Amino acid sequence: MAGKSEQLLKTVVAGAEDKKAHDLVALDLQGISLVADYFVICHGNSDTQVLAIATEIRKRAEEGGFRVRLEGMDTARWVLIDMGDVVAHVFHKDEREYYHLERLWSDAKAVETV
């Protein structure tokens, strides 16, 4: 991993892990989707944790010079953080089980983020 999108991916994962995100999955969408290079999917067990994870990801991405667009902060059930090459989905646990994005993007390979 060396490119801009890979560095952003590492930044997003580090921010989510710092706020104890659960079941973090990074999917490589290159060659599969024009939406983004990577999706990061995780969840929090409370509205407060979801907001903390999303806020930390936004802060770190902006500090790295990336433009960030957020949706869903008002309800904290599914926060979408669009940073261009990387899109993070921070769910409340119940919503993640319902939408199950990993199944929707089953063609994508999981990325080892450590």
Protein backbone atom coordinates (compact mmCIF):
# COMPACT_ATOMS: atom_id res chain seq x y z
CA MET A 1 0.00 0.00 0.00
CA ALA A 2 1.55 3.26 -1.04
CA GLY A 3 -0.89 5.39 -3.03
CA LYS A 4 -3.18 8.21 -1.93
CA SER A 5 -6.26 6.02 -1.55
CA GLU A 6 -4.31 3.41 0.41
CA GLN A 7 -2.97 6.06 2.78
CA LEU A 8 -6.49 7.41 3.28
CA LEU A 9 -7.69 3.87 3.95
CA LYS A 10 -5.08 3.47 6.70
CA THR A 11 -6.11 6.85 8.17
CA VAL A 12 -9.79 5.86 8.21
CA VAL A 13 -9.11 2.47 9.78
CA ALA A 14 -6.88 4.03 12.45
CA GLY A 15 -9.56 6.58 13.35
CA ALA A 16 -12.26 3.90 13.59
CA GLU A 17 -10.04 1.61 15.66
CA ASP A 18 -9.15 4.48 17.99
CA LYS A 19 -12.84 4.81 18.91
CA LYS A 20 -13.23 1.04 19.34
CA ALA A 21 -15.32 0.40 16.20
CA HIS A 22 -16.70 -3.13 16.04
CA ASP A 23 -16.28 -5.68 13.22
CA LEU A 24 -14.29 -3.35 11.00
CA VAL A 25 -14.10 -4.53 7.38
CA ALA A 26 -12.29 -2.83 4.51
CA LEU A 27 -13.36 -3.84 1.00
CA ASP A 28 -11.28 -3.28 -2.13
CA LEU A 29 -13.69 -2.05 -4.83
CA GLN A 30 -11.06 -1.28 -7.47
CA GLY A 31 -12.20 -2.79 -10.76
CA ILE A 32 -15.63 -3.54 -9.27
CA SER A 33 -17.16 -0.11 -8.71
CA LEU A 34 -16.64 3.44 -9.90
CA VAL A 35 -18.03 4.73 -6.58
CA ALA A 36 -14.78 4.43 -4.62
CA ASP A 37 -11.57 2.42 -4.35
CA TYR A 38 -12.39 1.22 -0.83
CA PHE A 39 -15.36 0.89 1.49
CA VAL A 40 -14.76 0.75 5.23
CA ILE A 41 -17.66 -0.74 7.16
CA CYS A 42 -17.92 -0.84 10.95
CA HIS A 43 -20.40 -0.27 13.73
CA GLY A 44 -20.83 1.17 17.18
CA ASN A 45 -23.09 -0.14 19.91
CA SER A 46 -24.66 3.23 20.75
CA ASP A 47 -25.50 6.54 19.07
CA THR A 48 -22.69 8.15 21.05
CA GLN A 49 -20.12 5.63 19.81
CA VAL A 50 -21.31 5.93 16.19
CA LEU A 51 -20.90 9.71 16.36
CA ALA A 52 -17.48 9.40 18.02
CA ILE A 53 -16.23 7.03 15.32
CA ALA A 54 -17.54 9.22 12.49
CA THR A 55 -16.14 12.39 14.05
CA GLU A 56 -12.69 10.82 14.51
CA ILE A 57 -12.59 9.56 10.92
CA ARG A 58 -13.61 13.00 9.63
CA LYS A 59 -11.04 14.77 11.79
CA ARG A 60 -8.16 12.54 10.69
CA ALA A 61 -9.11 12.69 7.01
CA GLU A 62 -9.36 16.49 7.09
CA GLU A 63 -6.01 16.71 8.89
CA GLY A 64 -4.58 14.64 6.03
CA GLY A 65 -5.87 17.19 3.53
CA PHE A 66 -8.83 15.15 2.25
CA ARG A 67 -12.25 16.63 1.53
CA VAL A 68 -14.96 15.01 3.60
CA ARG A 69 -18.72 14.87 3.13
CA LEU A 70 -20.88 13.41 5.90
CA GLU A 71 -24.46 12.23 5.92
CA GLY A 72 -26.46 10.74 8.77
CA MET A 73 -24.90 12.49 11.77
CA ASP A 74 -28.33 13.76 12.82
CA THR A 75 -29.70 10.25 13.46
CA ALA A 76 -26.46 8.30 14.17
CA ARG A 77 -27.96 5.12 12.72
CA TRP A 78 -25.90 5.01 9.50
CA VAL A 79 -23.25 7.67 8.99
CA LEU A 80 -21.78 7.83 5.51
CA ILE A 81 -18.38 9.50 5.29
CA ASP A 82 -17.47 10.18 1.67
CA MET A 83 -13.81 11.06 1.15
CA GLY A 84 -13.71 10.33 -2.58
CA ASP A 85 -11.48 7.29 -2.99
CA VAL A 86 -12.58 5.89 0.38
CA VAL A 87 -16.14 5.79 1.69
CA ALA A 88 -16.72 4.80 5.31
CA HIS A 89 -20.03 3.45 6.58
CA VAL A 90 -20.42 3.70 10.34
CA PHE A 91 -23.54 1.89 11.44
CA HIS A 92 -25.43 1.50 14.67
CA LYS A 93 -25.27 -2.25 15.36
CA ASP A 94 -28.96 -2.86 14.55
CA GLU A 95 -28.77 -1.02 11.22
CA ARG A 96 -25.65 -2.88 10.15
CA GLU A 97 -27.35 -6.21 10.63
CA TYR A 98 -30.34 -4.99 8.62
CA TYR A 99 -28.45 -3.52 5.62
CA HIS A 100 -25.53 -6.01 5.57
CA LEU A 101 -23.42 -4.10 3.01
CA GLU A 102 -20.75 -6.79 3.02
CA ARG A 103 -23.26 -9.14 1.35
CA LEU A 104 -24.19 -6.47 -1.21
CA TRP A 105 -20.53 -6.04 -2.18
CA SER A 106 -19.61 -9.74 -1.93
CA ASP A 107 -17.53 -9.52 -5.14
CA ALA A 108 -15.08 -7.22 -3.34
CA LYS A 109 -12.04 -8.63 -1.59
CA ALA A 110 -11.49 -7.82 2.07
CA VAL A 111 -8.32 -5.82 2.66
CA GLU A 112 -5.90 -6.69 5.44
CA THR A 113 -5.60 -3.35 7.24
CA VAL A 114 -2.96 -4.15 9.84
